[in-house]
Structures are given as C-alpha cells and as structure tokens.
Amino acid sequence: MVNCVNKRLSTVKKIPDLYPGVFTESSIRYLIFNEKENGFSQCIRRIGKKVLIDLDLFEAWIDAQGQGGTSRV
C-alpha cells in the first residue's frame, strides 16, 4: 500500500488561487488537453471524473520548462 498522506493535490479550479497572476483555470485546462504533447500528464491524477494536479510534480514540471523543454521528472 502506498502512503498518500503527504501528497499535495489540487483541483483545476484552485490552481489560480495558489499561483495568482501566473495561471488561469483555462490555461491549466489547455495544459491538460495537450498533456501528451507537453509532458503535463505526469502531473495529473484522475479519480473517476475528478482531475487533480499533483502540486509537487506540477512545480517540477514548471522548473523543467525553464530548462528548455518538456523533460520528464
């Protein structure tokens, strides 16, 4: 069994509140829609219809974008 107690997860709607002025809800939805092309799929956790973003992986993905691409973490 995996310990998920320390996971930082967020809904798509809450991302703009966590990163004000940086991401909008629609920009996150665009990243999700194109997840396979931009490497964002590593940040997404789906539970039924609910889409959650792993914030630790999301921040690592952001850092990787500054280093020139969609490198996997």
Foldseek 3Di string as FASTA:
>chain_A
DDDCPPWDKDFLCCVCVVVPPPDHSVNVVVCVVCCVVAVLVVQWDDDPPTIIGRVVLVVVQVVVVVVPGRDHD
